Amino acid sequence: MRRYLPTQGGSRAHRRGVVLLCVTVLAGIGQGCTPGSVDAHRWIVAEDAVAIDVWVIQSRGRSAGRAVDDRGATAVLLHPLLMNKRWFLSLGERLAADGWDVVLPDLRAHGDSGGEHVTWGAKEKRDIRRVVDFLVAERLIRPRIYVMGASLGACVAVQYAAIDSRCEGVLALAPPAGAEGYVRCAWPLATEKFVESRVRQKGRDGGYDPREASAVAAAARLKCPLIVVHGQLDTTVPFAQAKQVYDAAPEPKKMIRLWADHGGVQVGRDEWLAGQMRALVGMAAGMPERPAR
């Protein structure tokens, strides 16, 4: 396995306790625990020396040695809070069969990536951009990027898309509004003073500016299509937060409400989600050509 790590070492796999282990095992059972056909495995060092663990599944046309359209695209799939890159493994295999290259990273402080704190996009968005930089340079993936994320992953996906001109579309499943949105989800009856205090504390603990962890602010800067999906039975992330993200984004965009809870918009929907990724490509095709990066 090739590693992009500092020569003096760097952050290795971050381990949490039994609770997270159990959650990850359950995630694997629900979303396909078998490793599947992963074509490349990399550790890529982030700007602050945290190692991001990444799987790559190449288009099945590429891996079979068949000619593939140079305009083919890459799907970056970002897991929810407390999960890991296995969460969307079966979807990644489905997309690879459709001709996508697929990137499955462990977000920082998750899975086999390093880091001690979730920063709700403040650092994760740059982690993902760096991962894409390295994988494109190595020619493991193609540089037309589409990103899909769920919950925390959706929050990060919107923020990443706002800072990488290669990103041509975002599929956000139940996105919280950002660091402040997370606090409001966790303490729905809290006072404004408590929320503000907790948001500042989260920033101090994680070494980030909470203002840099806003999916709403990032959505306003998007230059690519956005599809937001939210479950009508979701009691984890209020619809109001997903709507904030949606309302802030420019056209083209689409909101989809499903009769599902928070996990129900993610689990067991590989075929449907693959269809939404195709829809994003169609939305992007109608936009003006963007200058090369």
Foldseek 3Di string as FASTA:
>chain_A
DEEAADPVDAFWFDDDDDVLVVVQVVLCVQQPVPQPDFPDWYFHAFPVRWTKTKTKDAQPCVVVVHDAPLPAEAEEEAEAPSYAQSNCNVLCVVVSPVGHIYMRIGFDPYDTIHDPADQQQLRRLRVVVRVLVVCVVVVSHRQQYEYEYAASSLLNRLQNQLVDVSYAEYEYELYAFWLLSQLCLVPVPDDPVVSVVVSVVSCVVRVGDRVSNGLLVSQLRHPHEYEYEYEPAESRRDVVRSVSNVVNHDDDYYYHYHPDYRCGVRTPCSVVVSVVVVVRVVRSVPDDDDDDD
